[in-house]
PDB file of N, CA and C in Angstrom:
ATOM      1  N   MET A   1     -10.963  10.486  -0.157  1.00  0.00           N
ATOM      2  CA  MET A   1     -10.280  10.899   1.041  1.00  0.00           C
ATOM      3  C   MET A   1      -8.814  10.486   0.911  1.00  0.00           C
ATOM      4  N   ARG A   2      -7.931  11.408   1.187  1.00  0.00           N
ATOM      5  CA  ARG A   2      -6.508  11.117   1.228  1.00  0.00           C
ATOM      6  C   ARG A   2      -6.150  10.478   2.585  1.00  0.00           C
ATOM      7  N   TYR A   3      -5.331   9.450   2.484  1.00  0.00           N
ATOM      8  CA  TYR A   3      -4.919   8.755   3.684  1.00  0.00           C
ATOM      9  C   TYR A   3      -3.402   8.588   3.690  1.00  0.00           C
ATOM     10  N   THR A   4      -2.811   8.697   4.861  1.00  0.00           N
ATOM     11  CA  THR A   4      -1.381   8.526   5.053  1.00  0.00           C
ATOM     12  C   THR A   4      -1.090   7.411   5.985  1.00  0.00           C
ATOM     13  N   TYR A   5      -0.221   6.464   5.625  1.00  0.00           N
ATOM     14  CA  TYR A   5       0.141   5.334   6.482  1.00  0.00           C
ATOM     15  C   TYR A   5       1.571   5.325   6.711  1.00  0.00           C
ATOM     16  N   LYS A   6       2.032   5.259   7.928  1.00  0.00           N
ATOM     17  CA  LYS A   6       3.453   5.222   8.301  1.00  0.00           C
ATOM     18  C   LYS A   6       3.859   3.761   8.269  1.00  0.00           C
ATOM     19  N   THR A   7       4.771   3.379   7.396  1.00  0.00           N
ATOM     20  CA  THR A   7       5.207   2.004   7.223  1.00  0.00           C
ATOM     21  C   THR A   7       6.095   1.529   8.337  1.00  0.00           C
ATOM     22  N   SER A   8       6.277   0.237   8.455  1.00  0.00           N
ATOM     23  CA  SER A   8       7.097  -0.400   9.470  1.00  0.00           C
ATOM     24  C   SER A   8       7.833  -1.573   8.877  1.00  0.00           C
ATOM     25  N   GLY A   9       9.177  -1.621   9.127  1.00  0.00           N
ATOM     26  CA  GLY A   9       9.943  -2.763   8.673  1.00  0.00           C
ATOM     27  C   GLY A   9      10.355  -2.749   7.188  1.00  0.00           C
ATOM     28  N   THR A  10      10.227  -1.599   6.541  1.00  0.00           N
ATOM     29  CA  THR A  10      10.592  -1.446   5.136  1.00  0.00           C
ATOM     30  C   THR A  10      11.497  -0.232   4.872  1.00  0.00           C
ATOM     31  N   CYS A  11      12.060  -0.136   3.721  1.00  0.00           N
ATOM     32  CA  CYS A  11      12.897   1.003   3.352  1.00  0.00           C
ATOM     33  C   CYS A  11      11.996   2.246   3.155  1.00  0.00           C
ATOM     34  N   SER A  12      10.727   2.033   2.667  1.00  0.00           N
ATOM     35  CA  SER A  12       9.819   3.148   2.520  1.00  0.00           C
ATOM     36  C   SER A  12       9.376   3.586   3.909  1.00  0.00           C
ATOM     37  N   LYS A  13       9.124   4.913   4.052  1.00  0.00           N
ATOM     38  CA  LYS A  13       8.769   5.486   5.379  1.00  0.00           C
ATOM     39  C   LYS A  13       7.274   5.741   5.446  1.00  0.00           C
ATOM     40  N   ARG A  14       6.617   5.971   4.285  1.00  0.00           N
ATOM     41  CA  ARG A  14       5.205   6.365   4.329  1.00  0.00           C
ATOM     42  C   ARG A  14       4.574   6.035   2.985  1.00  0.00           C
ATOM     43  N   ILE A  15       3.222   5.791   3.057  1.00  0.00           N
ATOM     44  CA  ILE A  15       2.392   5.573   1.875  1.00  0.00           C
ATOM     45  C   ILE A  15       1.242   6.514   1.944  1.00  0.00           C
ATOM     46  N   ASP A  16       1.015   7.268   0.900  1.00  0.00           N
ATOM     47  CA  ASP A  16      -0.103   8.152   0.768  1.00  0.00           C
ATOM     48  C   ASP A  16      -0.992   7.690  -0.416  1.00  0.00           C
ATOM     49  N   PHE A  17      -2.326   7.699  -0.212  1.00  0.00           N
ATOM     50  CA  PHE A  17      -3.237   7.268  -1.313  1.00  0.00           C
ATOM     51  C   PHE A  17      -4.588   7.868  -1.052  1.00  0.00           C
ATOM     52  N   ASP A  18      -5.401   7.826  -2.086  1.00  0.00           N
ATOM     53  CA  ASP A  18      -6.836   8.218  -2.027  1.00  0.00           C
ATOM     54  C   ASP A  18      -7.622   6.977  -1.934  1.00  0.00           C
ATOM     55  N   ILE A  19      -8.734   7.070  -1.066  1.00  0.00           N
ATOM     56  CA  ILE A  19      -9.633   5.923  -0.934  1.00  0.00           C
ATOM     57  C   ILE A  19     -11.037   6.529  -1.121  1.00  0.00           C
ATOM     58  N   ASP A  20     -11.753   5.898  -1.999  1.00  0.00           N
ATOM     59  CA  ASP A  20     -13.209   6.339  -2.228  1.00  0.00           C
ATOM     60  C   ASP A  20     -14.022   5.064  -2.126  1.00  0.00           C
ATOM     61  N   ASP A  21     -14.720   4.887  -0.920  1.00  0.00           N
ATOM     62  CA  ASP A  21     -15.426   3.689  -0.452  1.00  0.00           C
ATOM     63  C   ASP A  21     -14.340   2.586  -0.382  1.00  0.00           C
ATOM     64  N   ASP A  22     -14.178   1.717  -1.370  1.00  0.00           N
ATOM     65  CA  ASP A  22     -13.107   0.702  -1.278  1.00  0.00           C
ATOM     66  C   ASP A  22     -12.199   0.727  -2.517  1.00  0.00           C
ATOM     67  N   ILE A  23     -12.223   1.791  -3.260  1.00  0.00           N
ATOM     68  CA  ILE A  23     -11.358   1.923  -4.471  1.00  0.00           C
ATOM     69  C   ILE A  23     -10.133   2.801  -4.082  1.00  0.00           C
ATOM     70  N   ILE A  24      -9.012   2.277  -4.441  1.00  0.00           N
ATOM     71  CA  ILE A  24      -7.708   2.986  -4.115  1.00  0.00           C
ATOM     72  C   ILE A  24      -7.112   3.617  -5.386  1.00  0.00           C
ATOM     73  N   SER A  25      -6.628   4.846  -5.244  1.00  0.00           N
ATOM     74  CA  SER A  25      -5.981   5.494  -6.405  1.00  0.00           C
ATOM     75  C   SER A  25      -4.885   6.474  -5.873  1.00  0.00           C
ATOM     76  N   ASN A  26      -4.098   6.977  -6.812  1.00  0.00           N
ATOM     77  CA  ASN A  26      -3.056   7.928  -6.499  1.00  0.00           C
ATOM     78  C   ASN A  26      -2.142   7.525  -5.346  1.00  0.00           C
ATOM     79  N   VAL A  27      -1.664   6.285  -5.434  1.00  0.00           N
ATOM     80  CA  VAL A  27      -0.735   5.769  -4.372  1.00  0.00           C
ATOM     81  C   VAL A  27       0.669   6.350  -4.588  1.00  0.00           C
ATOM     82  N   GLU A  28       1.235   6.798  -3.497  1.00  0.00           N
ATOM     83  CA  GLU A  28       2.633   7.305  -3.523  1.00  0.00           C
ATOM     84  C   GLU A  28       3.388   6.847  -2.359  1.00  0.00           C
ATOM     85  N   PHE A  29       4.568   6.259  -2.609  1.00  0.00           N
ATOM     86  CA  PHE A  29       5.449   5.794  -1.540  1.00  0.00           C
ATOM     87  C   PHE A  29       6.503   6.840  -1.317  1.00  0.00           C
ATOM     88  N   THR A  30       6.877   7.092  -0.073  1.00  0.00           N
ATOM     89  CA  THR A  30       8.022   7.948   0.290  1.00  0.00           C
ATOM     90  C   THR A  30       9.139   7.010   0.696  1.00  0.00           C
ATOM     91  N   GLY A  31      10.204   6.986  -0.049  1.00  0.00           N
ATOM     92  CA  GLY A  31      11.261   6.059   0.201  1.00  0.00           C
ATOM     93  C   GLY A  31      11.042   4.747  -0.516  1.00  0.00           C
ATOM     94  N   GLY A  32      11.863   3.777  -0.223  1.00  0.00           N
ATOM     95  CA  GLY A  32      11.751   2.463  -0.906  1.00  0.00           C
ATOM     96  C   GLY A  32      12.483   2.468  -2.201  1.00  0.00           C
ATOM     97  N   CYS A  33      12.408   1.320  -2.942  1.00  0.00           N
ATOM     98  CA  CYS A  33      13.006   1.164  -4.224  1.00  0.00           C
ATOM     99  C   CYS A  33      12.126   1.855  -5.277  1.00  0.00           C
ATOM    100  N   ASN A  34      12.574   2.977  -5.795  1.00  0.00           N
ATOM    101  CA  ASN A  34      11.780   3.860  -6.650  1.00  0.00           C
ATOM    102  C   ASN A  34      11.107   3.153  -7.776  1.00  0.00           C
ATOM    103  N   GLY A  35      11.829   2.365  -8.551  1.00  0.00           N
ATOM    104  CA  GLY A  35      11.183   1.676  -9.663  1.00  0.00           C
ATOM    105  C   GLY A  35      10.136   0.697  -9.273  1.00  0.00           C
ATOM    106  N   ASN A  36      10.425  -0.077  -8.202  1.00  0.00           N
ATOM    107  CA  ASN A  36       9.440  -1.080  -7.703  1.00  0.00           C
ATOM    108  C   ASN A  36       8.202  -0.408  -7.136  1.00  0.00           C
ATOM    109  N   THR A  37       8.430   0.624  -6.372  1.00  0.00           N
ATOM    110  CA  THR A  37       7.189   1.277  -5.781  1.00  0.00           C
ATOM    111  C   THR A  37       6.368   1.989  -6.811  1.00  0.00           C
ATOM    112  N   GLN A  38       7.065   2.541  -7.788  1.00  0.00           N
ATOM    113  CA  GLN A  38       6.257   3.180  -8.962  1.00  0.00           C
ATOM    114  C   GLN A  38       5.445   2.096  -9.644  1.00  0.00           C
ATOM    115  N   GLY A  39       6.040   0.935  -9.884  1.00  0.00           N
ATOM    116  CA  GLY A  39       5.287  -0.129 -10.513  1.00  0.00           C
ATOM    117  C   GLY A  39       4.111  -0.578  -9.717  1.00  0.00           C
ATOM    118  N   VAL A  40       4.331  -0.768  -8.402  1.00  0.00           N
ATOM    119  CA  VAL A  40       3.182  -1.175  -7.525  1.00  0.00           C
ATOM    120  C   VAL A  40       2.073  -0.097  -7.608  1.00  0.00           C
ATOM    121  N   CYS A  41       2.456   1.169  -7.509  1.00  0.00           N
ATOM    122  CA  CYS A  41       1.432   2.225  -7.573  1.00  0.00           C
ATOM    123  C   CYS A  41       0.668   2.184  -8.836  1.00  0.00           C
ATOM    124  N   SER A  42       1.289   1.987  -9.918  1.00  0.00           N
ATOM    125  CA  SER A  42       0.622   1.944 -11.235  1.00  0.00           C
ATOM    126  C   SER A  42      -0.312   0.713 -11.287  1.00  0.00           C
ATOM    127  N   LEU A  43       0.173  -0.416 -10.837  1.00  0.00           N
ATOM    128  CA  LEU A  43      -0.646  -1.648 -10.912  1.00  0.00           C
ATOM    129  C   LEU A  43      -1.843  -1.677 -10.089  1.00  0.00           C
ATOM    130  N   VAL A  44      -1.837  -1.008  -8.897  1.00  0.00           N
ATOM    131  CA  VAL A  44      -2.960  -1.044  -7.961  1.00  0.00           C
ATOM    132  C   VAL A  44      -3.935   0.081  -8.173  1.00  0.00           C
ATOM    133  N   ASP A  45      -3.635   1.027  -9.055  1.00  0.00           N
ATOM    134  CA  ASP A  45      -4.516   2.202  -9.218  1.00  0.00           C
ATOM    135  C   ASP A  45      -5.873   1.672  -9.746  1.00  0.00           C
ATOM    136  N   GLY A  46      -6.958   2.019  -9.012  1.00  0.00           N
ATOM    137  CA  GLY A  46      -8.307   1.672  -9.366  1.00  0.00           C
ATOM    138  C   GLY A  46      -8.729   0.315  -8.797  1.00  0.00           C
ATOM    139  N   MET A  47      -7.858  -0.376  -8.080  1.00  0.00           N
ATOM    140  CA  MET A  47      -8.254  -1.663  -7.471  1.00  0.00           C
ATOM    141  C   MET A  47      -8.988  -1.448  -6.148  1.00  0.00           C
ATOM    142  N   THR A  48      -9.693  -2.453  -5.760  1.00  0.00           N
ATOM    143  CA  THR A  48     -10.374  -2.501  -4.448  1.00  0.00           C
ATOM    144  C   THR A  48      -9.444  -2.883  -3.355  1.00  0.00           C
ATOM    145  N   VAL A  49      -9.774  -2.619  -2.111  1.00  0.00           N
ATOM    146  CA  VAL A  49      -9.049  -3.019  -0.986  1.00  0.00           C
ATOM    147  C   VAL A  49      -8.900  -4.527  -1.027  1.00  0.00           C
ATOM    148  N   GLU A  50      -9.939  -5.272  -1.244  1.00  0.00           N
ATOM    149  CA  GLU A  50      -9.853  -6.697  -1.272  1.00  0.00           C
ATOM    150  C   GLU A  50      -8.926  -7.191  -2.344  1.00  0.00           C
ATOM    151  N   GLN A  51      -8.962  -6.677  -3.528  1.00  0.00           N
ATOM    152  CA  GLN A  51      -8.060  -6.997  -4.606  1.00  0.00           C
ATOM    153  C   GLN A  51      -6.633  -6.826  -4.287  1.00  0.00           C
ATOM    154  N   ILE A  52      -6.315  -5.670  -3.634  1.00  0.00           N
ATOM    155  CA  ILE A  52      -4.985  -5.356  -3.285  1.00  0.00           C
ATOM    156  C   ILE A  52      -4.454  -6.338  -2.228  1.00  0.00           C
ATOM    157  N   GLU A  53      -5.298  -6.590  -1.238  1.00  0.00           N
ATOM    158  CA  GLU A  53      -4.903  -7.579  -0.177  1.00  0.00           C
ATOM    159  C   GLU A  53      -4.669  -8.946  -0.725  1.00  0.00           C
ATOM    160  N   LYS A  54      -5.499  -9.388  -1.658  1.00  0.00           N
ATOM    161  CA  LYS A  54      -5.396 -10.721  -2.262  1.00  0.00           C
ATOM    162  C   LYS A  54      -4.072 -10.810  -3.043  1.00  0.00           C
ATOM    163  N   LYS A  55      -3.597  -9.767  -3.710  1.00  0.00           N
ATOM    164  CA  LYS A  55      -2.359  -9.830  -4.488  1.00  0.00           C
ATOM    165  C   LYS A  55      -1.140  -9.566  -3.707  1.00  0.00           C
ATOM    166  N   LEU A  56      -1.205  -8.696  -2.693  1.00  0.00           N
ATOM    167  CA  LEU A  56       0.039  -8.177  -2.050  1.00  0.00           C
ATOM    168  C   LEU A  56       0.303  -8.621  -0.596  1.00  0.00           C
ATOM    169  N   LYS A  57      -0.714  -9.030   0.129  1.00  0.00           N
ATOM    170  CA  LYS A  57      -0.613  -9.394   1.538  1.00  0.00           C
ATOM    171  C   LYS A  57       0.474 -10.513   1.726  1.00  0.00           C
ATOM    172  N   ASP A  58       1.302 -10.357   2.708  1.00  0.00           N
ATOM    173  CA  ASP A  58       2.291 -11.330   3.112  1.00  0.00           C
ATOM    174  C   ASP A  58       3.489 -11.472   2.176  1.00  0.00           C
ATOM    175  N   ILE A  59       3.655 -10.582   1.213  1.00  0.00           N
ATOM    176  CA  ILE A  59       4.867 -10.610   0.323  1.00  0.00           C
ATOM    177  C   ILE A  59       6.025 -10.161   1.248  1.00  0.00           C
ATOM    178  N   LYS A  60       7.130 -10.887   1.210  1.00  0.00           N
ATOM    179  CA  LYS A  60       8.302 -10.524   1.987  1.00  0.00           C
ATOM    180  C   LYS A  60       9.404  -9.924   1.076  1.00  0.00           C
ATOM    181  N   CYS A  61      10.232  -9.119   1.687  1.00  0.00           N
ATOM    182  CA  CYS A  61      11.378  -8.521   0.989  1.00  0.00           C
ATOM    183  C   CYS A  61      12.641  -9.069   1.669  1.00  0.00           C
ATOM    184  N   GLY A  62      13.291  -9.973   0.922  1.00  0.00           N
ATOM    185  CA  GLY A  62      14.504 -10.604   1.490  1.00  0.00           C
ATOM    186  C   GLY A  62      14.223 -11.267   2.800  1.00  0.00           C
ATOM    187  N   MET A  63      15.048 -10.982   3.821  1.00  0.00           N
ATOM    188  CA  MET A  63      14.838 -11.616   5.148  1.00  0.00           C
ATOM    189  C   MET A  63      13.871 -10.857   6.031  1.00  0.00           C
ATOM    190  N   LYS A  64      13.331  -9.725   5.520  1.00  0.00           N
ATOM    191  CA  LYS A  64      12.337  -8.950   6.330  1.00  0.00           C
ATOM    192  C   LYS A  64      11.018  -9.690   6.417  1.00  0.00           C
ATOM    193  N   GLY A  65      10.312  -9.414   7.415  1.00  0.00           N
ATOM    194  CA  GLY A  65       8.973 -10.080   7.604  1.00  0.00           C
ATOM    195  C   GLY A  65       7.920  -9.415   6.829  1.00  0.00           C
ATOM    196  N   THR A  66       8.219  -8.343   6.091  1.00  0.00           N
ATOM    197  CA  THR A  66       7.255  -7.581   5.340  1.00  0.00           C
ATOM    198  C   THR A  66       7.926  -7.018   4.063  1.00  0.00           C
ATOM    199  N   SER A  67       7.148  -6.171   3.302  1.00  0.00           N
ATOM    200  CA  SER A  67       7.696  -5.564   2.167  1.00  0.00           C
ATOM    201  C   SER A  67       6.866  -4.291   1.853  1.00  0.00           C
ATOM    202  N   CYS A  68       7.232  -3.479   0.950  1.00  0.00           N
ATOM    203  CA  CYS A  68       6.391  -2.358   0.571  1.00  0.00           C
ATOM    204  C   CYS A  68       5.037  -2.757   0.075  1.00  0.00           C
ATOM    205  N   PRO A  69       4.945  -3.781  -0.817  1.00  0.00           N
ATOM    206  CA  PRO A  69       3.584  -4.195  -1.188  1.00  0.00           C
ATOM    207  C   PRO A  69       2.733  -4.711  -0.013  1.00  0.00           C
ATOM    208  N   ASP A  70       3.339  -5.490   0.917  1.00  0.00           N
ATOM    209  CA  ASP A  70       2.622  -5.991   2.065  1.00  0.00           C
ATOM    210  C   ASP A  70       2.205  -4.836   2.934  1.00  0.00           C
ATOM    211  N   GLN A  71       3.054  -3.799   3.071  1.00  0.00           N
ATOM    212  CA  GLN A  71       2.701  -2.652   3.874  1.00  0.00           C
ATOM    213  C   GLN A  71       1.502  -1.904   3.228  1.00  0.00           C
ATOM    214  N   LEU A  72       1.442  -1.866   1.894  1.00  0.00           N
ATOM    215  CA  LEU A  72       0.323  -1.241   1.179  1.00  0.00           C
ATOM    216  C   LEU A  72      -0.958  -2.010   1.460  1.00  0.00           C
ATOM    217  N   SER A  73      -0.862  -3.346   1.492  1.00  0.00           N
ATOM    218  CA  SER A  73      -2.082  -4.115   1.780  1.00  0.00           C
ATOM    219  C   SER A  73      -2.598  -3.803   3.228  1.00  0.00           C
ATOM    220  N   LYS A  74      -1.696  -3.581   4.142  1.00  0.00           N
ATOM    221  CA  LYS A  74      -2.052  -3.231   5.534  1.00  0.00           C
ATOM    222  C   LYS A  74      -2.661  -1.809   5.551  1.00  0.00           C
ATOM    223  N   ALA A  75      -2.025  -0.940   4.783  1.00  0.00           N
ATOM    224  CA  ALA A  75      -2.474   0.503   4.785  1.00  0.00           C
ATOM    225  C   ALA A  75      -3.867   0.609   4.262  1.00  0.00           C
ATOM    226  N   VAL A  76      -4.144  -0.037   3.116  1.00  0.00           N
ATOM    227  CA  VAL A  76      -5.472   0.112   2.531  1.00  0.00           C
ATOM    228  C   VAL A  76      -6.621  -0.507   3.438  1.00  0.00           C
ATOM    229  N   ARG A  77      -6.268  -1.578   4.162  1.00  0.00           N
ATOM    230  CA  ARG A  77      -7.247  -2.183   5.023  1.00  0.00           C
ATOM    231  C   ARG A  77      -7.495  -1.271   6.243  1.00  0.00           C
ATOM    232  N   GLU A  78      -6.411  -0.651   6.751  1.00  0.00           N
ATOM    233  CA  GLU A  78      -6.513   0.224   7.888  1.00  0.00           C
ATOM    234  C   GLU A  78      -7.458   1.457   7.446  1.00  0.00           C
ATOM    235  N   ALA A  79      -7.184   2.028   6.307  1.00  0.00           N
ATOM    236  CA  ALA A  79      -7.955   3.171   5.796  1.00  0.00           C
ATOM    237  C   ALA A  79      -9.363   2.780   5.630  1.00  0.00           C
ATOM    238  N   TYR A  80      -9.665   1.633   5.013  1.00  0.00           N
ATOM    239  CA  TYR A  80     -11.010   1.156   4.755  1.00  0.00           C
ATOM    240  C   TYR A  80     -11.769   1.022   6.102  1.00  0.00           C
ATOM    241  N   ASN A  81     -11.128   0.358   7.087  1.00  0.00           N
ATOM    242  CA  ASN A  81     -11.741   0.175   8.378  1.00  0.00           C
ATOM    243  C   ASN A  81     -12.042   1.528   9.098  1.00  0.00           C
ATOM    244  N   ALA A  82     -11.152   2.529   8.882  1.00  0.00           N
ATOM    245  CA  ALA A  82     -11.266   3.768   9.540  1.00  0.00           C
ATOM    246  C   ALA A  82     -12.518   4.568   9.022  1.00  0.00           C
ATOM    247  N   ILE A  83     -12.914   4.324   7.762  1.00  0.00           N
ATOM    248  CA  ILE A  83     -14.042   5.057   7.212  1.00  0.00           C
ATOM    249  C   ILE A  83     -15.365   4.238   7.171  1.00  0.00           C
ATOM    250  N   HIS A  84     -15.234   3.016   7.611  1.00  0.00           N
ATOM    251  CA  HIS A  84     -16.503   2.206   7.637  1.00  0.00           C
ATOM    252  C   HIS A  84     -16.887   1.773   9.018  1.00  0.00           C
TER     253      HIS A  84
END
């Protein structure tokens, strides 16, 4: 299932990804630091929601209270909860 998450507090505006049970793939950020978001997308491909949360939750970007990786951890949890 394709899922879209509207980000908050980051330079990226949106995260789109596929979720199959609890496996995440095909992550795409709209906006944000292109190289960093591409790297995050590549690294999380095939990971579970729990693995992504464990690695990325609560990461901050500068003085912001969140980051693109943190927003991804929120997005995958929201998507998982929506289908279960």
